[in-house]
Amino acid sequence: MRFWRFWFNSFILSSQYNPPRFVEMLMVLLAIVMLIVWNFTLETPYMILGWSFVIGASISILVREAIAPSPDIRFNQLAAFFFLSISLYGFVYVFQTL
């Protein structure tokens, strides 16, 4: 029980300390889950939802870095552009298969 309480308290603390980063992390985790489910089921809605989460998190990262730059701004921007390019490639795949 102590183990779960530690993780729950860490979860609450991280959401209070930096809410935008927490939301971005949550969106990326949901995107990973959706894309893993898509790999097993090959249902298009899971892939579309996963790529939508990736696009939302990437745009949120870019906006957050533009408003309040962090010390590792270059890495965050490169990661966000990388996520955007992969998700756009995923959407091209979706539109080709429809």
PDB file of N, CA and C in Angstrom:
ATOM      1  N   MET A   1       0.823  -1.197   0.000  1.00  0.00           N
ATOM      2  CA  MET A   1       0.000   0.000   0.000  1.00  0.00           C
ATOM      3  C   MET A   1       0.867   1.261   0.000  1.00  0.00           C
ATOM      4  N   ARG A   2       1.976   1.208   0.691  1.00  0.00           N
ATOM      5  CA  ARG A   2       2.865   2.363   0.754  1.00  0.00           C
ATOM      6  C   ARG A   2       3.414   2.699  -0.634  1.00  0.00           C
ATOM      7  N   PHE A   3       3.683   1.657  -1.415  1.00  0.00           N
ATOM      8  CA  PHE A   3       4.184   1.847  -2.777  1.00  0.00           C
ATOM      9  C   PHE A   3       3.185   2.641  -3.614  1.00  0.00           C
ATOM     10  N   TRP A   4       1.908   2.264  -3.564  1.00  0.00           N
ATOM     11  CA  TRP A   4       0.887   2.958  -4.346  1.00  0.00           C
ATOM     12  C   TRP A   4       0.655   4.373  -3.847  1.00  0.00           C
ATOM     13  N   ARG A   5       0.744   4.557  -2.546  1.00  0.00           N
ATOM     14  CA  ARG A   5       0.577   5.899  -1.992  1.00  0.00           C
ATOM     15  C   ARG A   5       1.699   6.824  -2.473  1.00  0.00           C
ATOM     16  N   PHE A   6       2.923   6.295  -2.528  1.00  0.00           N
ATOM     17  CA  PHE A   6       4.058   7.076  -3.032  1.00  0.00           C
ATOM     18  C   PHE A   6       3.800   7.520  -4.466  1.00  0.00           C
ATOM     19  N   TRP A   7       3.365   6.606  -5.337  1.00  0.00           N
ATOM     20  CA  TRP A   7       3.110   6.957  -6.725  1.00  0.00           C
ATOM     21  C   TRP A   7       1.933   7.909  -6.867  1.00  0.00           C
ATOM     22  N   PHE A   8       0.912   7.720  -6.062  1.00  0.00           N
ATOM     23  CA  PHE A   8      -0.233   8.624  -6.114  1.00  0.00           C
ATOM     24  C   PHE A   8       0.173  10.031  -5.674  1.00  0.00           C
ATOM     25  N   ASN A   9       0.960  10.133  -4.602  1.00  0.00           N
ATOM     26  CA  ASN A   9       1.428  11.446  -4.150  1.00  0.00           C
ATOM     27  C   ASN A   9       2.349  12.088  -5.181  1.00  0.00           C
ATOM     28  N   SER A  10       3.197  11.314  -5.826  1.00  0.00           N
ATOM     29  CA  SER A  10       4.059  11.841  -6.883  1.00  0.00           C
ATOM     30  C   SER A  10       3.222  12.346  -8.051  1.00  0.00           C
ATOM     31  N   PHE A  11       2.175  11.619  -8.366  1.00  0.00           N
ATOM     32  CA  PHE A  11       1.265  11.999  -9.443  1.00  0.00           C
ATOM     33  C   PHE A  11       0.589  13.333  -9.128  1.00  0.00           C
ATOM     34  N   ILE A  12       0.087  13.480  -7.921  1.00  0.00           N
ATOM     35  CA  ILE A  12      -0.574  14.721  -7.503  1.00  0.00           C
ATOM     36  C   ILE A  12       0.419  15.877  -7.477  1.00  0.00           C
ATOM     37  N   LEU A  13       1.607  15.642  -6.953  1.00  0.00           N
ATOM     38  CA  LEU A  13       2.615  16.697  -6.871  1.00  0.00           C
ATOM     39  C   LEU A  13       3.030  17.168  -8.256  1.00  0.00           C
ATOM     40  N   SER A  14       3.228  16.252  -9.182  1.00  0.00           N
ATOM     41  CA  SER A  14       3.638  16.658 -10.524  1.00  0.00           C
ATOM     42  C   SER A  14       2.528  17.424 -11.235  1.00  0.00           C
ATOM     43  N   SER A  15       1.282  17.086 -10.968  1.00  0.00           N
ATOM     44  CA  SER A  15       0.186  17.820 -11.598  1.00  0.00           C
ATOM     45  C   SER A  15       0.041  19.222 -11.019  1.00  0.00           C
ATOM     46  N   GLN A  16       0.425  19.422  -9.775  1.00  0.00           N
ATOM     47  CA  GLN A  16       0.339  20.744  -9.163  1.00  0.00           C
ATOM     48  C   GLN A  16       1.563  21.598  -9.468  1.00  0.00           C
ATOM     49  N   TYR A  17       2.708  20.967  -9.627  1.00  0.00           N
ATOM     50  CA  TYR A  17       3.953  21.704  -9.834  1.00  0.00           C
ATOM     51  C   TYR A  17       4.014  22.342 -11.213  1.00  0.00           C
ATOM     52  N   ASN A  18       3.666  21.589 -12.252  1.00  0.00           N
ATOM     53  CA  ASN A  18       3.730  22.094 -13.616  1.00  0.00           C
ATOM     54  C   ASN A  18       2.567  21.500 -14.426  1.00  0.00           C
ATOM     55  N   PRO A  19       1.383  22.098 -14.329  1.00  0.00           N
ATOM     56  CA  PRO A  19       0.198  21.522 -14.991  1.00  0.00           C
ATOM     57  C   PRO A  19       0.317  21.355 -16.508  1.00  0.00           C
ATOM     58  N   PRO A  20       0.886  22.329 -17.257  1.00  0.00           N
ATOM     59  CA  PRO A  20       0.966  22.103 -18.708  1.00  0.00           C
ATOM     60  C   PRO A  20       1.830  20.898 -19.074  1.00  0.00           C
ATOM     61  N   ARG A  21       2.945  20.742 -18.403  1.00  0.00           N
ATOM     62  CA  ARG A  21       3.814  19.602 -18.692  1.00  0.00           C
ATOM     63  C   ARG A  21       3.124  18.293 -18.300  1.00  0.00           C
ATOM     64  N   PHE A  22       2.340  18.334 -17.230  1.00  0.00           N
ATOM     65  CA  PHE A  22       1.597  17.146 -16.802  1.00  0.00           C
ATOM     66  C   PHE A  22       0.566  16.744 -17.852  1.00  0.00           C
ATOM     67  N   VAL A  23      -0.149  17.721 -18.395  1.00  0.00           N
ATOM     68  CA  VAL A  23      -1.153  17.433 -19.425  1.00  0.00           C
ATOM     69  C   VAL A  23      -0.475  16.887 -20.682  1.00  0.00           C
ATOM     70  N   GLU A  24       0.679  17.468 -21.044  1.00  0.00           N
ATOM     71  CA  GLU A  24       1.410  16.967 -22.205  1.00  0.00           C
ATOM     72  C   GLU A  24       1.862  15.528 -21.985  1.00  0.00           C
ATOM     73  N   MET A  25       2.363  15.247 -20.788  1.00  0.00           N
ATOM     74  CA  MET A  25       2.801  13.890 -20.475  1.00  0.00           C
ATOM     75  C   MET A  25       1.623  12.916 -20.546  1.00  0.00           C
ATOM     76  N   LEU A  26       0.492  13.333 -20.015  1.00  0.00           N
ATOM     77  CA  LEU A  26      -0.696  12.482 -20.040  1.00  0.00           C
ATOM     78  C   LEU A  26      -1.159  12.225 -21.475  1.00  0.00           C
ATOM     79  N   MET A  27      -1.118  13.258 -22.315  1.00  0.00           N
ATOM     80  CA  MET A  27      -1.511  13.090 -23.712  1.00  0.00           C
ATOM     81  C   MET A  27      -0.565  12.146 -24.448  1.00  0.00           C
ATOM     82  N   VAL A  28       0.724  12.263 -24.185  1.00  0.00           N
ATOM     83  CA  VAL A  28       1.687  11.369 -24.840  1.00  0.00           C
ATOM     84  C   VAL A  28       1.492   9.932 -24.362  1.00  0.00           C
ATOM     85  N   LEU A  29       1.242   9.748 -23.067  1.00  0.00           N
ATOM     86  CA  LEU A  29       1.002   8.395 -22.557  1.00  0.00           C
ATOM     87  C   LEU A  29      -0.267   7.787 -23.160  1.00  0.00           C
ATOM     88  N   LEU A  30      -1.320   8.588 -23.269  1.00  0.00           N
ATOM     89  CA  LEU A  30      -2.548   8.093 -23.905  1.00  0.00           C
ATOM     90  C   LEU A  30      -2.318   7.774 -25.384  1.00  0.00           C
ATOM     91  N   ALA A  31      -1.499   8.592 -26.044  1.00  0.00           N
ATOM     92  CA  ALA A  31      -1.183   8.322 -27.446  1.00  0.00           C
ATOM     93  C   ALA A  31      -0.436   7.005 -27.585  1.00  0.00           C
ATOM     94  N   ILE A  32       0.510   6.757 -26.686  1.00  0.00           N
ATOM     95  CA  ILE A  32       1.251   5.495 -26.728  1.00  0.00           C
ATOM     96  C   ILE A  32       0.302   4.318 -26.533  1.00  0.00           C
ATOM     97  N   VAL A  33      -0.606   4.442 -25.570  1.00  0.00           N
ATOM     98  CA  VAL A  33      -1.568   3.360 -25.320  1.00  0.00           C
ATOM     99  C   VAL A  33      -2.452   3.134 -26.547  1.00  0.00           C
ATOM    100  N   MET A  34      -2.955   4.222 -27.141  1.00  0.00           N
ATOM    101  CA  MET A  34      -3.823   4.088 -28.312  1.00  0.00           C
ATOM    102  C   MET A  34      -3.084   3.459 -29.486  1.00  0.00           C
ATOM    103  N   LEU A  35      -1.831   3.838 -29.688  1.00  0.00           N
ATOM    104  CA  LEU A  35      -1.086   3.281 -30.814  1.00  0.00           C
ATOM    105  C   LEU A  35      -0.702   1.821 -30.572  1.00  0.00           C
ATOM    106  N   ILE A  36      -0.490   1.442 -29.321  1.00  0.00           N
ATOM    107  CA  ILE A  36      -0.241   0.028 -29.012  1.00  0.00           C
ATOM    108  C   ILE A  36      -1.508  -0.790 -29.264  1.00  0.00           C
ATOM    109  N   VAL A  37      -2.652  -0.252 -28.837  1.00  0.00           N
ATOM    110  CA  VAL A  37      -3.923  -0.945 -29.095  1.00  0.00           C
ATOM    111  C   VAL A  37      -4.151  -1.064 -30.599  1.00  0.00           C
ATOM    112  N   TRP A  38      -3.838  -0.010 -31.339  1.00  0.00           N
ATOM    113  CA  TRP A  38      -3.993  -0.054 -32.792  1.00  0.00           C
ATOM    114  C   TRP A  38      -3.103  -1.132 -33.412  1.00  0.00           C
ATOM    115  N   ASN A  39      -1.887  -1.301 -32.889  1.00  0.00           N
ATOM    116  CA  ASN A  39      -0.997  -2.337 -33.417  1.00  0.00           C
ATOM    117  C   ASN A  39      -1.593  -3.727 -33.279  1.00  0.00           C
ATOM    118  N   PHE A  40      -2.346  -3.962 -32.216  1.00  0.00           N
ATOM    119  CA  PHE A  40      -2.931  -5.287 -32.006  1.00  0.00           C
ATOM    120  C   PHE A  40      -4.260  -5.471 -32.733  1.00  0.00           C
ATOM    121  N   THR A  41      -5.062  -4.407 -32.825  1.00  0.00           N
ATOM    122  CA  THR A  41      -6.397  -4.548 -33.409  1.00  0.00           C
ATOM    123  C   THR A  41      -6.486  -4.080 -34.856  1.00  0.00           C
ATOM    124  N   LEU A  42      -5.601  -3.182 -35.266  1.00  0.00           N
ATOM    125  CA  LEU A  42      -5.605  -2.580 -36.602  1.00  0.00           C
ATOM    126  C   LEU A  42      -6.914  -1.861 -36.910  1.00  0.00           C
ATOM    127  N   GLU A  43      -7.549  -1.322 -35.884  1.00  0.00           N
ATOM    128  CA  GLU A  43      -8.753  -0.505 -36.049  1.00  0.00           C
ATOM    129  C   GLU A  43      -8.328   0.951 -36.242  1.00  0.00           C
ATOM    130  N   THR A  44      -8.839   1.584 -37.280  1.00  0.00           N
ATOM    131  CA  THR A  44      -8.438   2.938 -37.632  1.00  0.00           C
ATOM    132  C   THR A  44      -8.728   3.978 -36.550  1.00  0.00           C
ATOM    133  N   PRO A  45      -9.850   3.929 -35.817  1.00  0.00           N
ATOM    134  CA  PRO A  45     -10.100   4.964 -34.806  1.00  0.00           C
ATOM    135  C   PRO A  45      -9.015   5.061 -33.732  1.00  0.00           C
ATOM    136  N   TYR A  46      -8.419   3.926 -33.360  1.00  0.00           N
ATOM    137  CA  TYR A  46      -7.353   3.974 -32.360  1.00  0.00           C
ATOM    138  C   TYR A  46      -6.141   4.727 -32.897  1.00  0.00           C
ATOM    139  N   MET A  47      -5.824   4.506 -34.165  1.00  0.00           N
ATOM    140  CA  MET A  47      -4.680   5.189 -34.749  1.00  0.00           C
ATOM    141  C   MET A  47      -4.953   6.686 -34.882  1.00  0.00           C
ATOM    142  N   ILE A  48      -6.142   7.038 -35.321  1.00  0.00           N
ATOM    143  CA  ILE A  48      -6.477   8.455 -35.481  1.00  0.00           C
ATOM    144  C   ILE A  48      -6.453   9.161 -34.130  1.00  0.00           C
ATOM    145  N   LEU A  49      -7.016   8.535 -33.109  1.00  0.00           N
ATOM    146  CA  LEU A  49      -7.011   9.143 -31.777  1.00  0.00           C
ATOM    147  C   LEU A  49      -5.591   9.258 -31.229  1.00  0.00           C
ATOM    148  N   GLY A  50      -4.777   8.244 -31.442  1.00  0.00           N
ATOM    149  CA  GLY A  50      -3.385   8.292 -30.983  1.00  0.00           C
ATOM    150  C   GLY A  50      -2.609   9.410 -31.647  1.00  0.00           C
ATOM    151  N   TRP A  51      -2.729   9.518 -32.971  1.00  0.00           N
ATOM    152  CA  TRP A  51      -2.012  10.590 -33.666  1.00  0.00           C
ATOM    153  C   TRP A  51      -2.562  11.964 -33.285  1.00  0.00           C
ATOM    154  N   SER A  52      -3.853  12.057 -32.998  1.00  0.00           N
ATOM    155  CA  SER A  52      -4.424  13.335 -32.554  1.00  0.00           C
ATOM    156  C   SER A  52      -3.843  13.754 -31.209  1.00  0.00           C
ATOM    157  N   PHE A  53      -3.683  12.797 -30.302  1.00  0.00           N
ATOM    158  CA  PHE A  53      -3.044  13.106 -29.025  1.00  0.00           C
ATOM    159  C   PHE A  53      -1.603  13.572 -29.228  1.00  0.00           C
ATOM    160  N   VAL A  54      -0.891  12.942 -30.148  1.00  0.00           N
ATOM    161  CA  VAL A  54       0.499  13.332 -30.410  1.00  0.00           C
ATOM    162  C   VAL A  54       0.553  14.749 -30.968  1.00  0.00           C
ATOM    163  N   ILE A  55      -0.330  15.078 -31.891  1.00  0.00           N
ATOM    164  CA  ILE A  55      -0.353  16.431 -32.455  1.00  0.00           C
ATOM    165  C   ILE A  55      -0.695  17.452 -31.377  1.00  0.00           C
ATOM    166  N   GLY A  56      -1.689  17.163 -30.544  1.00  0.00           N
ATOM    167  CA  GLY A  56      -2.056  18.085 -29.470  1.00  0.00           C
ATOM    168  C   GLY A  56      -0.929  18.305 -28.483  1.00  0.00           C
ATOM    169  N   ALA A  57      -0.245  17.241 -28.101  1.00  0.00           N
ATOM    170  CA  ALA A  57       0.872  17.376 -27.164  1.00  0.00           C
ATOM    171  C   ALA A  57       2.021  18.149 -27.800  1.00  0.00           C
ATOM    172  N   SER A  58       2.299  17.910 -29.071  1.00  0.00           N
ATOM    173  CA  SER A  58       3.395  18.604 -29.749  1.00  0.00           C
ATOM    174  C   SER A  58       3.122  20.097 -29.863  1.00  0.00           C
ATOM    175  N   ILE A  59       1.918  20.436 -30.243  1.00  0.00           N
ATOM    176  CA  ILE A  59       1.576  21.859 -30.354  1.00  0.00           C
ATOM    177  C   ILE A  59       1.596  22.512 -28.980  1.00  0.00           C
ATOM    178  N   SER A  60       1.141  21.808 -27.962  1.00  0.00           N
ATOM    179  CA  SER A  60       1.191  22.337 -26.600  1.00  0.00           C
ATOM    180  C   SER A  60       2.630  22.579 -26.151  1.00  0.00           C
ATOM    181  N   ILE A  61       3.535  21.662 -26.485  1.00  0.00           N
ATOM    182  CA  ILE A  61       4.948  21.840 -26.136  1.00  0.00           C
ATOM    183  C   ILE A  61       5.517  23.061 -26.842  1.00  0.00           C
ATOM    184  N   LEU A  62       5.214  23.214 -28.131  1.00  0.00           N
ATOM    185  CA  LEU A  62       5.741  24.360 -28.877  1.00  0.00           C
ATOM    186  C   LEU A  62       5.203  25.681 -28.335  1.00  0.00           C
ATOM    187  N   VAL A  63       3.921  25.722 -27.999  1.00  0.00           N
ATOM    188  CA  VAL A  63       3.335  26.952 -27.449  1.00  0.00           C
ATOM    189  C   VAL A  63       3.924  27.257 -26.077  1.00  0.00           C
ATOM    190  N   ARG A  64       4.060  26.235 -25.237  1.00  0.00           N
ATOM    191  CA  ARG A  64       4.626  26.442 -23.898  1.00  0.00           C
ATOM    192  C   ARG A  64       6.058  26.948 -23.985  1.00  0.00           C
ATOM    193  N   GLU A  65       6.845  26.406 -24.901  1.00  0.00           N
ATOM    194  CA  GLU A  65       8.232  26.852 -25.047  1.00  0.00           C
ATOM    195  C   GLU A  65       8.307  28.260 -25.631  1.00  0.00           C
ATOM    196  N   ALA A  66       7.337  28.645 -26.442  1.00  0.00           N
ATOM    197  CA  ALA A  66       7.327  30.002 -26.987  1.00  0.00           C
ATOM    198  C   ALA A  66       6.954  31.020 -25.914  1.00  0.00           C
ATOM    199  N   ILE A  67       6.057  30.646 -25.015  1.00  0.00           N
ATOM    200  CA  ILE A  67       5.614  31.568 -23.967  1.00  0.00           C
ATOM    201  C   ILE A  67       6.627  31.661 -22.838  1.00  0.00           C
ATOM    202  N   ALA A  68       7.062  30.509 -22.342  1.00  0.00           N
ATOM    203  CA  ALA A  68       7.988  30.468 -21.200  1.00  0.00           C
ATOM    204  C   ALA A  68       9.106  29.478 -21.510  1.00  0.00           C
ATOM    205  N   PRO A  69      10.189  29.951 -22.119  1.00  0.00           N
ATOM    206  CA  PRO A  69      11.274  29.043 -22.499  1.00  0.00           C
ATOM    207  C   PRO A  69      11.910  28.361 -21.289  1.00  0.00           C
ATOM    208  N   SER A  70      12.243  27.101 -21.475  1.00  0.00           N
ATOM    209  CA  SER A  70      12.928  26.344 -20.431  1.00  0.00           C
ATOM    210  C   SER A  70      14.419  26.259 -20.781  1.00  0.00           C
ATOM    211  N   PRO A  71      15.249  25.793 -19.853  1.00  0.00           N
ATOM    212  CA  PRO A  71      16.690  25.701 -20.143  1.00  0.00           C
ATOM    213  C   PRO A  71      17.019  24.757 -21.303  1.00  0.00           C
ATOM    214  N   ASP A  72      16.227  23.736 -21.504  1.00  0.00           N
ATOM    215  CA  ASP A  72      16.476  22.796 -22.606  1.00  0.00           C
ATOM    216  C   ASP A  72      15.479  23.003 -23.745  1.00  0.00           C
ATOM    217  N   ILE A  73      15.350  24.257 -24.163  1.00  0.00           N
ATOM    218  CA  ILE A  73      14.352  24.634 -25.164  1.00  0.00           C
ATOM    219  C   ILE A  73      14.614  23.955 -26.505  1.00  0.00           C
ATOM    220  N   ARG A  74      15.875  23.831 -26.894  1.00  0.00           N
ATOM    221  CA  ARG A  74      16.198  23.258 -28.199  1.00  0.00           C
ATOM    222  C   ARG A  74      15.760  21.792 -28.287  1.00  0.00           C
ATOM    223  N   PHE A  75      16.032  21.022 -27.241  1.00  0.00           N
ATOM    224  CA  PHE A  75      15.645  19.610 -27.228  1.00  0.00           C
ATOM    225  C   PHE A  75      14.128  19.465 -27.275  1.00  0.00           C
ATOM    226  N   ASN A  76      13.418  20.284 -26.506  1.00  0.00           N
ATOM    227  CA  ASN A  76      11.952  20.207 -26.489  1.00  0.00           C
ATOM    228  C   ASN A  76      11.362  20.549 -27.851  1.00  0.00           C
ATOM    229  N   GLN A  77      11.906  21.579 -28.492  1.00  0.00           N
ATOM    230  CA  GLN A  77      11.399  21.951 -29.806  1.00  0.00           C
ATOM    231  C   GLN A  77      11.683  20.873 -30.848  1.00  0.00           C
ATOM    232  N   LEU A  78      12.875  20.298 -30.801  1.00  0.00           N
ATOM    233  CA  LEU A  78      13.201  19.228 -31.747  1.00  0.00           C
ATOM    234  C   LEU A  78      12.299  18.011 -31.533  1.00  0.00           C
ATOM    235  N   ALA A  79      12.057  17.670 -30.277  1.00  0.00           N
ATOM    236  CA  ALA A  79      11.175  16.533 -29.985  1.00  0.00           C
ATOM    237  C   ALA A  79       9.758  16.819 -30.475  1.00  0.00           C
ATOM    238  N   ALA A  80       9.272  18.045 -30.257  1.00  0.00           N
ATOM    239  CA  ALA A  80       7.919  18.395 -30.696  1.00  0.00           C
ATOM    240  C   ALA A  80       7.810  18.348 -32.222  1.00  0.00           C
ATOM    241  N   PHE A  81       8.807  18.877 -32.928  1.00  0.00           N
ATOM    242  CA  PHE A  81       8.771  18.821 -34.393  1.00  0.00           C
ATOM    243  C   PHE A  81       8.890  17.385 -34.899  1.00  0.00           C
ATOM    244  N   PHE A  82       9.667  16.569 -34.202  1.00  0.00           N
ATOM    245  CA  PHE A  82       9.775  15.155 -34.564  1.00  0.00           C
ATOM    246  C   PHE A  82       8.425  14.462 -34.397  1.00  0.00           C
ATOM    247  N   PHE A  83       7.751  14.713 -33.271  1.00  0.00           N
ATOM    248  CA  PHE A  83       6.429  14.129 -33.043  1.00  0.00           C
ATOM    249  C   PHE A  83       5.429  14.602 -34.094  1.00  0.00           C
ATOM    250  N   LEU A  84       5.491  15.892 -34.431  1.00  0.00           N
ATOM    251  CA  LEU A  84       4.574  16.419 -35.447  1.00  0.00           C
ATOM    252  C   LEU A  84       4.807  15.761 -36.801  1.00  0.00           C
ATOM    253  N   SER A  85       6.060  15.609 -37.185  1.00  0.00           N
ATOM    254  CA  SER A  85       6.341  15.003 -38.489  1.00  0.00           C
ATOM    255  C   SER A  85       5.891  13.546 -38.532  1.00  0.00           C
ATOM    256  N   ILE A  86       6.111  12.806 -37.454  1.00  0.00           N
ATOM    257  CA  ILE A  86       5.668  11.408 -37.421  1.00  0.00           C
ATOM    258  C   ILE A  86       4.141  11.325 -37.452  1.00  0.00           C
ATOM    259  N   SER A  87       3.478  12.203 -36.720  1.00  0.00           N
ATOM    260  CA  SER A  87       2.016  12.147 -36.697  1.00  0.00           C
ATOM    261  C   SER A  87       1.422  12.568 -38.039  1.00  0.00           C
ATOM    262  N   LEU A  88       2.031  13.535 -38.702  1.00  0.00           N
ATOM    263  CA  LEU A  88       1.538  13.902 -40.029  1.00  0.00           C
ATOM    264  C   LEU A  88       1.735  12.752 -41.014  1.00  0.00           C
ATOM    265  N   TYR A  89       2.846  12.047 -40.893  1.00  0.00           N
ATOM    266  CA  TYR A  89       3.065  10.858 -41.715  1.00  0.00           C
ATOM    267  C   TYR A  89       1.996   9.801 -41.418  1.00  0.00           C
ATOM    268  N   GLY A  90       1.628   9.667 -40.157  1.00  0.00           N
ATOM    269  CA  GLY A  90       0.573   8.727 -39.782  1.00  0.00           C
ATOM    270  C   GLY A  90      -0.769   9.108 -40.374  1.00  0.00           C
ATOM    271  N   PHE A  91      -1.075  10.405 -40.385  1.00  0.00           N
ATOM    272  CA  PHE A  91      -2.345  10.837 -40.973  1.00  0.00           C
ATOM    273  C   PHE A  91      -2.348  10.656 -42.490  1.00  0.00           C
ATOM    274  N   VAL A  92      -1.200  10.844 -43.136  1.00  0.00           N
ATOM    275  CA  VAL A  92      -1.120  10.569 -44.574  1.00  0.00           C
ATOM    276  C   VAL A  92      -1.417   9.096 -44.829  1.00  0.00           C
ATOM    277  N   TYR A  93      -0.888   8.231 -43.978  1.00  0.00           N
ATOM    278  CA  TYR A  93      -1.167   6.791 -44.094  1.00  0.00           C
ATOM    279  C   TYR A  93      -2.663   6.511 -43.929  1.00  0.00           C
ATOM    280  N   VAL A  94      -3.300   7.191 -42.981  1.00  0.00           N
ATOM    281  CA  VAL A  94      -4.739   6.993 -42.759  1.00  0.00           C
ATOM    282  C   VAL A  94      -5.530   7.403 -43.992  1.00  0.00           C
ATOM    283  N   PHE A  95      -5.198   8.555 -44.562  1.00  0.00           N
ATOM    284  CA  PHE A  95      -5.970   9.035 -45.703  1.00  0.00           C
ATOM    285  C   PHE A  95      -5.710   8.211 -46.961  1.00  0.00           C
ATOM    286  N   GLN A  96      -4.545   7.589 -47.061  1.00  0.00           N
ATOM    287  CA  GLN A  96      -4.281   6.721 -48.207  1.00  0.00           C
ATOM    288  C   GLN A  96      -5.057   5.415 -48.109  1.00  0.00           C
ATOM    289  N   THR A  97      -5.277   4.941 -46.879  1.00  0.00           N
ATOM    290  CA  THR A  97      -5.964   3.659 -46.715  1.00  0.00           C
ATOM    291  C   THR A  97      -7.483   3.789 -46.700  1.00  0.00           C
ATOM    292  N   LEU A  98      -8.016   4.995 -46.589  1.00  0.00           N
ATOM    293  CA  LEU A  98      -9.479   5.155 -46.564  1.00  0.00           C
ATOM    294  C   LEU A  98     -10.083   5.069 -47.935  1.00  0.00           C
TER     295      LEU A  98
END
